[in-house]
Amino acid sequence: SYLILSYLILMAIALCFLSGETIRCYTCMGSNNDDCNRQGSKACPGYSDACAVVVGHDSGVMKSCSYKSFCSQANSQGYRAPGVRVHCCYSNDCNVTSFANQLPGLTYLLLFSFIFPLLL
């Protein structure tokens, strides 16, 4: 788990130096999908090539700019937390809808600490 998080952080730092065509994504945190969407969407940094939605049970929904390697890693390895789901899509504002309700508190904070730099 620590190795996965370290790998993902290193990938985020490395991708900061890449540029490309930007995608628009909803970037928000909220208690539910509608609450989150009210915060709106934005143009992602040049290295982003995906939009992500992270949800689980009883803590909220988080949407962000992301990248395909994060999505692949999250879906293949998982975060080993019950009820946590990561969904990625690859077109403008494609993360407007979510597929579950909430995210567990501790896991939510860990995921947010990784994805937060992508929101900047």
PDB file of N, CA and C in Angstrom:
ATOM      1  N   SER A   1       0.830  -1.200   0.000  1.00  0.00           N
ATOM      2  CA  SER A   1       0.000   0.000   0.000  1.00  0.00           C
ATOM      3  C   SER A   1       0.875   1.265   0.000  1.00  0.00           C
ATOM      4  N   TYR A   2       1.916   1.275   0.859  1.00  0.00           N
ATOM      5  CA  TYR A   2       2.829   2.415   0.901  1.00  0.00           C
ATOM      6  C   TYR A   2       3.591   2.526  -0.410  1.00  0.00           C
ATOM      7  N   LEU A   3       4.000   1.377  -0.967  1.00  0.00           N
ATOM      8  CA  LEU A   3       4.732   1.381  -2.236  1.00  0.00           C
ATOM      9  C   LEU A   3       3.860   1.893  -3.371  1.00  0.00           C
ATOM     10  N   ILE A   4       2.599   1.508  -3.376  1.00  0.00           N
ATOM     11  CA  ILE A   4       1.680   1.986  -4.415  1.00  0.00           C
ATOM     12  C   ILE A   4       1.524   3.486  -4.311  1.00  0.00           C
ATOM     13  N   LEU A   5       1.307   3.989  -3.101  1.00  0.00           N
ATOM     14  CA  LEU A   5       1.141   5.426  -2.906  1.00  0.00           C
ATOM     15  C   LEU A   5       2.407   6.169  -3.312  1.00  0.00           C
ATOM     16  N   SER A   6       3.569   5.638  -2.959  1.00  0.00           N
ATOM     17  CA  SER A   6       4.840   6.267  -3.342  1.00  0.00           C
ATOM     18  C   SER A   6       4.996   6.300  -4.856  1.00  0.00           C
ATOM     19  N   TYR A   7       4.662   5.195  -5.498  1.00  0.00           N
ATOM     20  CA  TYR A   7       4.732   5.133  -6.957  1.00  0.00           C
ATOM     21  C   TYR A   7       3.821   6.182  -7.584  1.00  0.00           C
ATOM     22  N   LEU A   8       2.604   6.285  -7.095  1.00  0.00           N
ATOM     23  CA  LEU A   8       1.650   7.238  -7.659  1.00  0.00           C
ATOM     24  C   LEU A   8       2.101   8.678  -7.449  1.00  0.00           C
ATOM     25  N   ILE A   9       2.687   8.971  -6.306  1.00  0.00           N
ATOM     26  CA  ILE A   9       3.189  10.328  -6.050  1.00  0.00           C
ATOM     27  C   ILE A   9       4.343  10.646  -6.996  1.00  0.00           C
ATOM     28  N   LEU A  10       5.249   9.696  -7.187  1.00  0.00           N
ATOM     29  CA  LEU A  10       6.358   9.912  -8.118  1.00  0.00           C
ATOM     30  C   LEU A  10       5.853  10.111  -9.541  1.00  0.00           C
ATOM     31  N   MET A  11       4.842   9.358  -9.933  1.00  0.00           N
ATOM     32  CA  MET A  11       4.261   9.531 -11.271  1.00  0.00           C
ATOM     33  C   MET A  11       3.657  10.919 -11.416  1.00  0.00           C
ATOM     34  N   ALA A  12       2.989  11.404 -10.376  1.00  0.00           N
ATOM     35  CA  ALA A  12       2.384  12.739 -10.432  1.00  0.00           C
ATOM     36  C   ALA A  12       3.455  13.807 -10.602  1.00  0.00           C
ATOM     37  N   ILE A  13       4.556  13.671  -9.878  1.00  0.00           N
ATOM     38  CA  ILE A  13       5.645  14.647  -9.983  1.00  0.00           C
ATOM     39  C   ILE A  13       6.264  14.594 -11.376  1.00  0.00           C
ATOM     40  N   ALA A  14       6.516  13.400 -11.881  1.00  0.00           N
ATOM     41  CA  ALA A  14       7.117  13.262 -13.212  1.00  0.00           C
ATOM     42  C   ALA A  14       6.207  13.828 -14.288  1.00  0.00           C
ATOM     43  N   LEU A  15       4.922  13.600 -14.162  1.00  0.00           N
ATOM     44  CA  LEU A  15       3.988  14.069 -15.178  1.00  0.00           C
ATOM     45  C   LEU A  15       3.791  15.574 -15.149  1.00  0.00           C
ATOM     46  N   CYS A  16       4.201  16.232 -14.089  1.00  0.00           N
ATOM     47  CA  CYS A  16       4.097  17.689 -14.017  1.00  0.00           C
ATOM     48  C   CYS A  16       4.926  18.359 -15.109  1.00  0.00           C
ATOM     49  N   PHE A  17       5.922  17.656 -15.605  1.00  0.00           N
ATOM     50  CA  PHE A  17       6.811  18.253 -16.596  1.00  0.00           C
ATOM     51  C   PHE A  17       6.391  17.952 -18.029  1.00  0.00           C
ATOM     52  N   LEU A  18       5.347  17.164 -18.204  1.00  0.00           N
ATOM     53  CA  LEU A  18       4.858  16.853 -19.537  1.00  0.00           C
ATOM     54  C   LEU A  18       3.762  17.829 -19.924  1.00  0.00           C
ATOM     55  N   SER A  19       3.616  18.051 -21.202  1.00  0.00           N
ATOM     56  CA  SER A  19       2.527  18.913 -21.657  1.00  0.00           C
ATOM     57  C   SER A  19       1.743  18.183 -22.727  1.00  0.00           C
ATOM     58  N   GLY A  20       0.567  18.686 -23.032  1.00  0.00           N
ATOM     59  CA  GLY A  20      -0.273  18.085 -24.046  1.00  0.00           C
ATOM     60  C   GLY A  20      -1.602  18.802 -24.098  1.00  0.00           C
ATOM     61  N   GLU A  21      -2.484  18.249 -24.872  1.00  0.00           N
ATOM     62  CA  GLU A  21      -3.819  18.813 -25.002  1.00  0.00           C
ATOM     63  C   GLU A  21      -4.554  18.657 -23.677  1.00  0.00           C
ATOM     64  N   THR A  22      -5.238  19.703 -23.252  1.00  0.00           N
ATOM     65  CA  THR A  22      -5.897  19.637 -21.947  1.00  0.00           C
ATOM     66  C   THR A  22      -7.314  19.100 -22.067  1.00  0.00           C
ATOM     67  N   ILE A  23      -7.755  18.509 -21.000  1.00  0.00           N
ATOM     68  CA  ILE A  23      -9.104  17.987 -20.870  1.00  0.00           C
ATOM     69  C   ILE A  23      -9.787  18.791 -19.770  1.00  0.00           C
ATOM     70  N   ARG A  24     -11.104  18.916 -19.823  1.00  0.00           N
ATOM     71  CA  ARG A  24     -11.877  19.569 -18.765  1.00  0.00           C
ATOM     72  C   ARG A  24     -12.509  18.493 -17.899  1.00  0.00           C
ATOM     73  N   CYS A  25     -12.423  18.693 -16.569  1.00  0.00           N
ATOM     74  CA  CYS A  25     -13.011  17.738 -15.629  1.00  0.00           C
ATOM     75  C   CYS A  25     -13.690  18.490 -14.486  1.00  0.00           C
ATOM     76  N   TYR A  26     -14.691  17.854 -13.899  1.00  0.00           N
ATOM     77  CA  TYR A  26     -15.220  18.357 -12.638  1.00  0.00           C
ATOM     78  C   TYR A  26     -14.159  18.094 -11.585  1.00  0.00           C
ATOM     79  N   THR A  27     -13.833  19.106 -10.804  1.00  0.00           N
ATOM     80  CA  THR A  27     -12.825  18.994  -9.752  1.00  0.00           C
ATOM     81  C   THR A  27     -13.459  19.490  -8.463  1.00  0.00           C
ATOM     82  N   CYS A  28     -13.827  18.560  -7.603  1.00  0.00           N
ATOM     83  CA  CYS A  28     -14.606  18.952  -6.434  1.00  0.00           C
ATOM     84  C   CYS A  28     -14.578  17.863  -5.374  1.00  0.00           C
ATOM     85  N   MET A  29     -15.020  18.255  -4.182  1.00  0.00           N
ATOM     86  CA  MET A  29     -15.278  17.333  -3.089  1.00  0.00           C
ATOM     87  C   MET A  29     -16.630  17.725  -2.522  1.00  0.00           C
ATOM     88  N   GLY A  30     -17.479  16.741  -2.266  1.00  0.00           N
ATOM     89  CA  GLY A  30     -18.788  17.052  -1.717  1.00  0.00           C
ATOM     90  C   GLY A  30     -19.387  15.858  -1.014  1.00  0.00           C
ATOM     91  N   SER A  31     -20.506  16.111  -0.346  1.00  0.00           N
ATOM     92  CA  SER A  31     -21.167  15.037   0.386  1.00  0.00           C
ATOM     93  C   SER A  31     -21.922  14.100  -0.550  1.00  0.00           C
ATOM     94  N   ASN A  32     -22.253  14.591  -1.755  1.00  0.00           N
ATOM     95  CA  ASN A  32     -22.909  13.762  -2.762  1.00  0.00           C
ATOM     96  C   ASN A  32     -22.582  14.320  -4.148  1.00  0.00           C
ATOM     97  N   ASN A  33     -23.068  13.662  -5.171  1.00  0.00           N
ATOM     98  CA  ASN A  33     -22.748  14.039  -6.542  1.00  0.00           C
ATOM     99  C   ASN A  33     -23.194  15.466  -6.867  1.00  0.00           C
ATOM    100  N   ASP A  34     -24.430  15.818  -6.509  1.00  0.00           N
ATOM    101  CA  ASP A  34     -24.945  17.159  -6.822  1.00  0.00           C
ATOM    102  C   ASP A  34     -24.171  18.245  -6.089  1.00  0.00           C
ATOM    103  N   ASP A  35     -23.879  18.009  -4.820  1.00  0.00           N
ATOM    104  CA  ASP A  35     -23.104  18.971  -4.028  1.00  0.00           C
ATOM    105  C   ASP A  35     -21.733  19.195  -4.663  1.00  0.00           C
ATOM    106  N   CYS A  36     -21.109  18.134  -5.085  1.00  0.00           N
ATOM    107  CA  CYS A  36     -19.789  18.230  -5.712  1.00  0.00           C
ATOM    108  C   CYS A  36     -19.872  18.987  -7.036  1.00  0.00           C
ATOM    109  N   ASN A  37     -20.844  18.661  -7.861  1.00  0.00           N
ATOM    110  CA  ASN A  37     -20.948  19.285  -9.184  1.00  0.00           C
ATOM    111  C   ASN A  37     -21.180  20.785  -9.121  1.00  0.00           C
ATOM    112  N   ARG A  38     -21.774  21.265  -8.053  1.00  0.00           N
ATOM    113  CA  ARG A  38     -22.000  22.716  -7.923  1.00  0.00           C
ATOM    114  C   ARG A  38     -20.684  23.489  -7.909  1.00  0.00           C
ATOM    115  N   GLN A  39     -19.596  22.819  -7.600  1.00  0.00           N
ATOM    116  CA  GLN A  39     -18.287  23.470  -7.576  1.00  0.00           C
ATOM    117  C   GLN A  39     -17.714  23.648  -8.981  1.00  0.00           C
ATOM    118  N   GLY A  40     -18.299  22.994  -9.972  1.00  0.00           N
ATOM    119  CA  GLY A  40     -17.957  23.228 -11.371  1.00  0.00           C
ATOM    120  C   GLY A  40     -16.795  22.418 -11.910  1.00  0.00           C
ATOM    121  N   SER A  41     -16.528  22.660 -13.193  1.00  0.00           N
ATOM    122  CA  SER A  41     -15.426  21.981 -13.868  1.00  0.00           C
ATOM    123  C   SER A  41     -14.374  23.006 -14.263  1.00  0.00           C
ATOM    124  N   LYS A  42     -13.198  22.517 -14.626  1.00  0.00           N
ATOM    125  CA  LYS A  42     -12.125  23.418 -15.037  1.00  0.00           C
ATOM    126  C   LYS A  42     -11.221  22.716 -16.037  1.00  0.00           C
ATOM    127  N   ALA A  43     -10.410  23.515 -16.708  1.00  0.00           N
ATOM    128  CA  ALA A  43      -9.401  22.952 -17.603  1.00  0.00           C
ATOM    129  C   ALA A  43      -8.307  22.326 -16.746  1.00  0.00           C
ATOM    130  N   CYS A  44      -7.930  21.125 -17.082  1.00  0.00           N
ATOM    131  CA  CYS A  44      -6.915  20.404 -16.318  1.00  0.00           C
ATOM    132  C   CYS A  44      -5.520  20.826 -16.759  1.00  0.00           C
ATOM    133  N   PRO A  45      -4.515  20.548 -15.927  1.00  0.00           N
ATOM    134  CA  PRO A  45      -3.127  20.792 -16.337  1.00  0.00           C
ATOM    135  C   PRO A  45      -2.798  19.970 -17.583  1.00  0.00           C
ATOM    136  N   GLY A  46      -1.790  20.383 -18.306  1.00  0.00           N
ATOM    137  CA  GLY A  46      -1.441  19.746 -19.565  1.00  0.00           C
ATOM    138  C   GLY A  46      -1.127  18.267 -19.480  1.00  0.00           C
ATOM    139  N   TYR A  47      -0.642  17.783 -18.331  1.00  0.00           N
ATOM    140  CA  TYR A  47      -0.279  16.373 -18.207  1.00  0.00           C
ATOM    141  C   TYR A  47      -1.478  15.480 -17.938  1.00  0.00           C
ATOM    142  N   SER A  48      -2.632  16.056 -17.626  1.00  0.00           N
ATOM    143  CA  SER A  48      -3.821  15.251 -17.335  1.00  0.00           C
ATOM    144  C   SER A  48      -4.435  14.746 -18.633  1.00  0.00           C
ATOM    145  N   ASP A  49      -4.816  13.480 -18.630  1.00  0.00           N
ATOM    146  CA  ASP A  49      -5.477  12.924 -19.804  1.00  0.00           C
ATOM    147  C   ASP A  49      -6.714  12.119 -19.419  1.00  0.00           C
ATOM    148  N   ALA A  50      -7.194  12.329 -18.184  1.00  0.00           N
ATOM    149  CA  ALA A  50      -8.362  11.604 -17.701  1.00  0.00           C
ATOM    150  C   ALA A  50      -9.065  12.424 -16.625  1.00  0.00           C
ATOM    151  N   CYS A  51     -10.322  12.092 -16.411  1.00  0.00           N
ATOM    152  CA  CYS A  51     -11.091  12.629 -15.286  1.00  0.00           C
ATOM    153  C   CYS A  51     -11.369  11.449 -14.356  1.00  0.00           C
ATOM    154  N   ALA A  52     -11.363  11.696 -13.051  1.00  0.00           N
ATOM    155  CA  ALA A  52     -11.570  10.620 -12.084  1.00  0.00           C
ATOM    156  C   ALA A  52     -12.694  10.959 -11.121  1.00  0.00           C
ATOM    157  N   VAL A  53     -13.372   9.915 -10.665  1.00  0.00           N
ATOM    158  CA  VAL A  53     -14.356  10.000  -9.590  1.00  0.00           C
ATOM    159  C   VAL A  53     -13.959   8.935  -8.574  1.00  0.00           C
ATOM    160  N   VAL A  54     -13.819   9.333  -7.313  1.00  0.00           N
ATOM    161  CA  VAL A  54     -13.488   8.396  -6.239  1.00  0.00           C
ATOM    162  C   VAL A  54     -14.628   8.448  -5.235  1.00  0.00           C
ATOM    163  N   VAL A  55     -15.238   7.296  -4.989  1.00  0.00           N
ATOM    164  CA  VAL A  55     -16.370   7.227  -4.070  1.00  0.00           C
ATOM    165  C   VAL A  55     -16.280   5.967  -3.224  1.00  0.00           C
ATOM    166  N   GLY A  56     -17.021   5.964  -2.147  1.00  0.00           N
ATOM    167  CA  GLY A  56     -17.077   4.812  -1.266  1.00  0.00           C
ATOM    168  C   GLY A  56     -18.328   4.864  -0.423  1.00  0.00           C
ATOM    169  N   HIS A  57     -18.194   4.647   0.854  1.00  0.00           N
ATOM    170  CA  HIS A  57     -19.348   4.531   1.739  1.00  0.00           C
ATOM    171  C   HIS A  57     -19.283   5.552   2.869  1.00  0.00           C
ATOM    172  N   ASP A  58     -20.271   6.442   2.946  1.00  0.00           N
ATOM    173  CA  ASP A  58     -20.509   7.351   4.075  1.00  0.00           C
ATOM    174  C   ASP A  58     -19.594   8.564   4.231  1.00  0.00           C
ATOM    175  N   SER A  59     -18.838   8.987   3.224  1.00  0.00           N
ATOM    176  CA  SER A  59     -17.992  10.158   3.445  1.00  0.00           C
ATOM    177  C   SER A  59     -17.970  11.186   2.332  1.00  0.00           C
ATOM    178  N   GLY A  60     -18.507  10.933   1.189  1.00  0.00           N
ATOM    179  CA  GLY A  60     -18.528  11.932   0.136  1.00  0.00           C
ATOM    180  C   GLY A  60     -18.049  11.415  -1.199  1.00  0.00           C
ATOM    181  N   VAL A  61     -17.944  12.353  -2.119  1.00  0.00           N
ATOM    182  CA  VAL A  61     -17.482  12.043  -3.465  1.00  0.00           C
ATOM    183  C   VAL A  61     -16.380  13.036  -3.821  1.00  0.00           C
ATOM    184  N   MET A  62     -15.371  12.567  -4.527  1.00  0.00           N
ATOM    185  CA  MET A  62     -14.287  13.437  -4.964  1.00  0.00           C
ATOM    186  C   MET A  62     -14.092  13.244  -6.459  1.00  0.00           C
ATOM    187  N   LYS A  63     -13.995  14.352  -7.185  1.00  0.00           N
ATOM    188  CA  LYS A  63     -13.765  14.326  -8.625  1.00  0.00           C
ATOM    189  C   LYS A  63     -12.539  15.160  -8.914  1.00  0.00           C
ATOM    190  N   SER A  64     -11.753  14.737  -9.905  1.00  0.00           N
ATOM    191  CA  SER A  64     -10.527  15.471 -10.191  1.00  0.00           C
ATOM    192  C   SER A  64     -10.020  15.181 -11.591  1.00  0.00           C
ATOM    193  N   CYS A  65      -9.065  16.015 -11.998  1.00  0.00           N
ATOM    194  CA  CYS A  65      -8.249  15.720 -13.162  1.00  0.00           C
ATOM    195  C   CYS A  65      -7.332  14.573 -12.753  1.00  0.00           C
ATOM    196  N   SER A  66      -7.013  13.719 -13.692  1.00  0.00           N
ATOM    197  CA  SER A  66      -6.152  12.590 -13.375  1.00  0.00           C
ATOM    198  C   SER A  66      -5.369  12.205 -14.622  1.00  0.00           C
ATOM    199  N   TYR A  67      -4.871  10.975 -14.635  1.00  0.00           N
ATOM    200  CA  TYR A  67      -4.164  10.477 -15.802  1.00  0.00           C
ATOM    201  C   TYR A  67      -4.327   8.969 -15.878  1.00  0.00           C
ATOM    202  N   LYS A  68      -4.191   8.446 -17.075  1.00  0.00           N
ATOM    203  CA  LYS A  68      -4.500   7.046 -17.335  1.00  0.00           C
ATOM    204  C   LYS A  68      -3.696   6.088 -16.465  1.00  0.00           C
ATOM    205  N   SER A  69      -2.441   6.396 -16.199  1.00  0.00           N
ATOM    206  CA  SER A  69      -1.634   5.472 -15.396  1.00  0.00           C
ATOM    207  C   SER A  69      -2.165   5.369 -13.970  1.00  0.00           C
ATOM    208  N   PHE A  70      -2.667   6.481 -13.403  1.00  0.00           N
ATOM    209  CA  PHE A  70      -3.289   6.427 -12.076  1.00  0.00           C
ATOM    210  C   PHE A  70      -4.522   5.542 -12.126  1.00  0.00           C
ATOM    211  N   CYS A  71      -5.334   5.735 -13.159  1.00  0.00           N
ATOM    212  CA  CYS A  71      -6.571   4.960 -13.283  1.00  0.00           C
ATOM    213  C   CYS A  71      -6.270   3.474 -13.417  1.00  0.00           C
ATOM    214  N   SER A  72      -5.296   3.143 -14.242  1.00  0.00           N
ATOM    215  CA  SER A  72      -4.917   1.737 -14.421  1.00  0.00           C
ATOM    216  C   SER A  72      -4.418   1.140 -13.117  1.00  0.00           C
ATOM    217  N   GLN A  73      -3.575   1.877 -12.418  1.00  0.00           N
ATOM    218  CA  GLN A  73      -3.026   1.403 -11.145  1.00  0.00           C
ATOM    219  C   GLN A  73      -4.134   1.234 -10.109  1.00  0.00           C
ATOM    220  N   ALA A  74      -5.017   2.207 -10.014  1.00  0.00           N
ATOM    221  CA  ALA A  74      -6.099   2.150  -9.027  1.00  0.00           C
ATOM    222  C   ALA A  74      -7.027   0.981  -9.303  1.00  0.00           C
ATOM    223  N   ASN A  75      -7.323   0.737 -10.567  1.00  0.00           N
ATOM    224  CA  ASN A  75      -8.252  -0.335 -10.903  1.00  0.00           C
ATOM    225  C   ASN A  75      -7.610  -1.715 -10.861  1.00  0.00           C
ATOM    226  N   SER A  76      -6.328  -1.823 -11.169  1.00  0.00           N
ATOM    227  CA  SER A  76      -5.692  -3.137 -11.147  1.00  0.00           C
ATOM    228  C   SER A  76      -5.253  -3.534  -9.741  1.00  0.00           C
ATOM    229  N   GLN A  77      -4.703  -2.593  -8.992  1.00  0.00           N
ATOM    230  CA  GLN A  77      -4.225  -2.875  -7.641  1.00  0.00           C
ATOM    231  C   GLN A  77      -5.297  -2.619  -6.595  1.00  0.00           C
ATOM    232  N   GLY A  78      -6.136  -1.637  -6.841  1.00  0.00           N
ATOM    233  CA  GLY A  78      -7.141  -1.254  -5.863  1.00  0.00           C
ATOM    234  C   GLY A  78      -6.498  -0.570  -4.677  1.00  0.00           C
ATOM    235  N   TYR A  79      -7.300  -0.071  -3.802  1.00  0.00           N
ATOM    236  CA  TYR A  79      -6.792   0.554  -2.584  1.00  0.00           C
ATOM    237  C   TYR A  79      -7.039  -0.324  -1.375  1.00  0.00           C
ATOM    238  N   ARG A  80      -7.507  -1.533  -1.618  1.00  0.00           N
ATOM    239  CA  ARG A  80      -7.687  -2.507  -0.551  1.00  0.00           C
ATOM    240  C   ARG A  80      -8.561  -1.978   0.581  1.00  0.00           C
ATOM    241  N   ALA A  81      -9.493  -1.131   0.223  1.00  0.00           N
ATOM    242  CA  ALA A  81     -10.436  -0.614   1.216  1.00  0.00           C
ATOM    243  C   ALA A  81     -11.839  -1.024   0.783  1.00  0.00           C
ATOM    244  N   PRO A  82     -12.610  -1.588   1.692  1.00  0.00           N
ATOM    245  CA  PRO A  82     -13.957  -2.040   1.344  1.00  0.00           C
ATOM    246  C   PRO A  82     -14.818  -0.897   0.819  1.00  0.00           C
ATOM    247  N   GLY A  83     -15.462  -1.127  -0.291  1.00  0.00           N
ATOM    248  CA  GLY A  83     -16.409  -0.161  -0.827  1.00  0.00           C
ATOM    249  C   GLY A  83     -15.814   0.976  -1.631  1.00  0.00           C
ATOM    250  N   VAL A  84     -14.496   1.082  -1.726  1.00  0.00           N
ATOM    251  CA  VAL A  84     -13.871   2.178  -2.471  1.00  0.00           C
ATOM    252  C   VAL A  84     -13.866   1.834  -3.954  1.00  0.00           C
ATOM    253  N   ARG A  85     -14.294   2.801  -4.763  1.00  0.00           N
ATOM    254  CA  ARG A  85     -14.272   2.608  -6.209  1.00  0.00           C
ATOM    255  C   ARG A  85     -13.675   3.836  -6.871  1.00  0.00           C
ATOM    256  N   VAL A  86     -12.861   3.597  -7.868  1.00  0.00           N
ATOM    257  CA  VAL A  86     -12.282   4.668  -8.675  1.00  0.00           C
ATOM    258  C   VAL A  86     -12.787   4.464 -10.093  1.00  0.00           C
ATOM    259  N   HIS A  87     -13.358   5.507 -10.659  1.00  0.00           N
ATOM    260  CA  HIS A  87     -13.836   5.447 -12.039  1.00  0.00           C
ATOM    261  C   HIS A  87     -13.157   6.550 -12.823  1.00  0.00           C
ATOM    262  N   CYS A  88     -12.648   6.230 -13.993  1.00  0.00           N
ATOM    263  CA  CYS A  88     -12.009   7.229 -14.850  1.00  0.00           C
ATOM    264  C   CYS A  88     -12.688   7.258 -16.206  1.00  0.00           C
ATOM    265  N   CYS A  89     -12.621   8.410 -16.834  1.00  0.00           N
ATOM    266  CA  CYS A  89     -13.151   8.584 -18.178  1.00  0.00           C
ATOM    267  C   CYS A  89     -12.240   9.569 -18.901  1.00  0.00           C
ATOM    268  N   TYR A  90     -12.431   9.713 -20.198  1.00  0.00           N
ATOM    269  CA  TYR A  90     -11.393  10.359 -20.993  1.00  0.00           C
ATOM    270  C   TYR A  90     -11.903  11.416 -21.969  1.00  0.00           C
ATOM    271  N   SER A  91     -12.998  12.082 -21.630  1.00  0.00           N
ATOM    272  CA  SER A  91     -13.490  13.173 -22.476  1.00  0.00           C
ATOM    273  C   SER A  91     -13.904  14.340 -21.587  1.00  0.00           C
ATOM    274  N   ASN A  92     -14.106  15.492 -22.183  1.00  0.00           N
ATOM    275  CA  ASN A  92     -14.423  16.699 -21.419  1.00  0.00           C
ATOM    276  C   ASN A  92     -15.654  16.517 -20.539  1.00  0.00           C
ATOM    277  N   ASP A  93     -15.500  16.860 -19.257  1.00  0.00           N
ATOM    278  CA  ASP A  93     -16.577  16.831 -18.263  1.00  0.00           C
ATOM    279  C   ASP A  93     -17.281  15.478 -18.160  1.00  0.00           C
ATOM    280  N   CYS A  94     -16.585  14.417 -18.496  1.00  0.00           N
ATOM    281  CA  CYS A  94     -17.196  13.084 -18.462  1.00  0.00           C
ATOM    282  C   CYS A  94     -17.444  12.583 -17.041  1.00  0.00           C
ATOM    283  N   ASN A  95     -16.837  13.226 -16.037  1.00  0.00           N
ATOM    284  CA  ASN A  95     -17.038  12.777 -14.657  1.00  0.00           C
ATOM    285  C   ASN A  95     -18.162  13.542 -13.958  1.00  0.00           C
ATOM    286  N   VAL A  96     -19.103  14.074 -14.729  1.00  0.00           N
ATOM    287  CA  VAL A  96     -20.234  14.810 -14.155  1.00  0.00           C
ATOM    288  C   VAL A  96     -21.118  13.896 -13.302  1.00  0.00           C
ATOM    289  N   THR A  97     -21.226  12.632 -13.663  1.00  0.00           N
ATOM    290  CA  THR A  97     -22.028  11.700 -12.866  1.00  0.00           C
ATOM    291  C   THR A  97     -21.104  10.770 -12.100  1.00  0.00           C
ATOM    292  N   SER A  98     -21.568  10.314 -10.953  1.00  0.00           N
ATOM    293  CA  SER A  98     -20.801   9.327 -10.193  1.00  0.00           C
ATOM    294  C   SER A  98     -21.608   8.049 -10.151  1.00  0.00           C
ATOM    295  N   PHE A  99     -21.007   6.984  -9.700  1.00  0.00           N
ATOM    296  CA  PHE A  99     -21.604   5.657  -9.776  1.00  0.00           C
ATOM    297  C   PHE A  99     -21.870   5.054  -8.414  1.00  0.00           C
ATOM    298  N   ALA A 100     -21.531   5.777  -7.343  1.00  0.00           N
ATOM    299  CA  ALA A 100     -21.777   5.286  -5.987  1.00  0.00           C
ATOM    300  C   ALA A 100     -21.972   6.490  -5.088  1.00  0.00           C
ATOM    301  N   ASN A 101     -22.132   6.249  -3.817  1.00  0.00           N
ATOM    302  CA  ASN A 101     -22.486   7.345  -2.928  1.00  0.00           C
ATOM    303  C   ASN A 101     -21.330   7.995  -2.187  1.00  0.00           C
ATOM    304  N   GLN A 102     -20.525   7.255  -1.494  1.00  0.00           N
ATOM    305  CA  GLN A 102     -19.598   7.857  -0.539  1.00  0.00           C
ATOM    306  C   GLN A 102     -18.256   7.141  -0.489  1.00  0.00           C
ATOM    307  N   LEU A 103     -17.330   7.676   0.292  1.00  0.00           N
ATOM    308  CA  LEU A 103     -15.979   7.124   0.433  1.00  0.00           C
ATOM    309  C   LEU A 103     -15.578   7.069   1.907  1.00  0.00           C
ATOM    310  N   PRO A 104     -14.978   5.969   2.389  1.00  0.00           N
ATOM    311  CA  PRO A 104     -14.584   5.887   3.797  1.00  0.00           C
ATOM    312  C   PRO A 104     -13.581   6.962   4.195  1.00  0.00           C
ATOM    313  N   GLY A 105     -13.730   7.476   5.405  1.00  0.00           N
ATOM    314  CA  GLY A 105     -12.957   8.620   5.866  1.00  0.00           C
ATOM    315  C   GLY A 105     -11.451   8.539   5.693  1.00  0.00           C
ATOM    316  N   LEU A 106     -10.771   7.550   6.264  1.00  0.00           N
ATOM    317  CA  LEU A 106      -9.314   7.483   6.198  1.00  0.00           C
ATOM    318  C   LEU A 106      -8.838   7.308   4.762  1.00  0.00           C
ATOM    319  N   THR A 107      -9.463   6.409   4.036  1.00  0.00           N
ATOM    320  CA  THR A 107      -9.067   6.193   2.647  1.00  0.00           C
ATOM    321  C   THR A 107      -9.306   7.451   1.837  1.00  0.00           C
ATOM    322  N   TYR A 108     -10.401   8.134   2.120  1.00  0.00           N
ATOM    323  CA  TYR A 108     -10.723   9.388   1.433  1.00  0.00           C
ATOM    324  C   TYR A 108      -9.591  10.392   1.629  1.00  0.00           C
ATOM    325  N   LEU A 109      -9.101  10.519   2.843  1.00  0.00           N
ATOM    326  CA  LEU A 109      -8.013  11.460   3.109  1.00  0.00           C
ATOM    327  C   LEU A 109      -6.732  11.051   2.393  1.00  0.00           C
ATOM    328  N   LEU A 110      -6.424   9.761   2.380  1.00  0.00           N
ATOM    329  CA  LEU A 110      -5.226   9.295   1.686  1.00  0.00           C
ATOM    330  C   LEU A 110      -5.314   9.551   0.190  1.00  0.00           C
ATOM    331  N   LEU A 111      -6.451   9.242  -0.397  1.00  0.00           N
ATOM    332  CA  LEU A 111      -6.614   9.479  -1.827  1.00  0.00           C
ATOM    333  C   LEU A 111      -6.581  10.963  -2.136  1.00  0.00           C
ATOM    334  N   PHE A 112      -7.220  11.765  -1.291  1.00  0.00           N
ATOM    335  CA  PHE A 112      -7.226  13.204  -1.525  1.00  0.00           C
ATOM    336  C   PHE A 112      -5.814  13.765  -1.448  1.00  0.00           C
ATOM    337  N   SER A 113      -5.006  13.265  -0.513  1.00  0.00           N
ATOM    338  CA  SER A 113      -3.643  13.782  -0.389  1.00  0.00           C
ATOM    339  C   SER A 113      -2.834  13.493  -1.642  1.00  0.00           C
ATOM    340  N   PHE A 114      -3.167  12.433  -2.359  1.00  0.00           N
ATOM    341  CA  PHE A 114      -2.474  12.147  -3.608  1.00  0.00           C
ATOM    342  C   PHE A 114      -3.037  12.976  -4.760  1.00  0.00           C
ATOM    343  N   ILE A 115      -4.342  13.058  -4.865  1.00  0.00           N
ATOM    344  CA  ILE A 115      -4.968  13.710  -6.015  1.00  0.00           C
ATOM    345  C   ILE A 115      -4.976  15.227  -5.879  1.00  0.00           C
ATOM    346  N   PHE A 116      -4.906  15.772  -4.651  1.00  0.00           N
ATOM    347  CA  PHE A 116      -4.990  17.215  -4.451  1.00  0.00           C
ATOM    348  C   PHE A 116      -4.040  18.010  -5.341  1.00  0.00           C
ATOM    349  N   PRO A 117      -2.765  17.592  -5.499  1.00  0.00           N
ATOM    350  CA  PRO A 117      -1.881  18.378  -6.379  1.00  0.00           C
ATOM    351  C   PRO A 117      -2.402  18.470  -7.810  1.00  0.00           C
ATOM    352  N   LEU A 118      -3.177  17.497  -8.249  1.00  0.00           N
ATOM    353  CA  LEU A 118      -3.733  17.544  -9.598  1.00  0.00           C
ATOM    354  C   LEU A 118      -4.823  18.593  -9.728  1.00  0.00           C
ATOM    355  N   LEU A 119      -5.422  18.977  -8.594  1.00  0.00           N
ATOM    356  CA  LEU A 119      -6.485  19.977  -8.625  1.00  0.00           C
ATOM    357  C   LEU A 119      -5.933  21.384  -8.781  1.00  0.00           C
ATOM    358  N   LEU A 120      -4.668  21.581  -8.486  1.00  0.00           N
ATOM    359  CA  LEU A 120      -4.059  22.912  -8.526  1.00  0.00           C
ATOM    360  C   LEU A 120      -3.772  23.372  -9.928  1.00  0.00           C
TER     361      LEU A 120
END
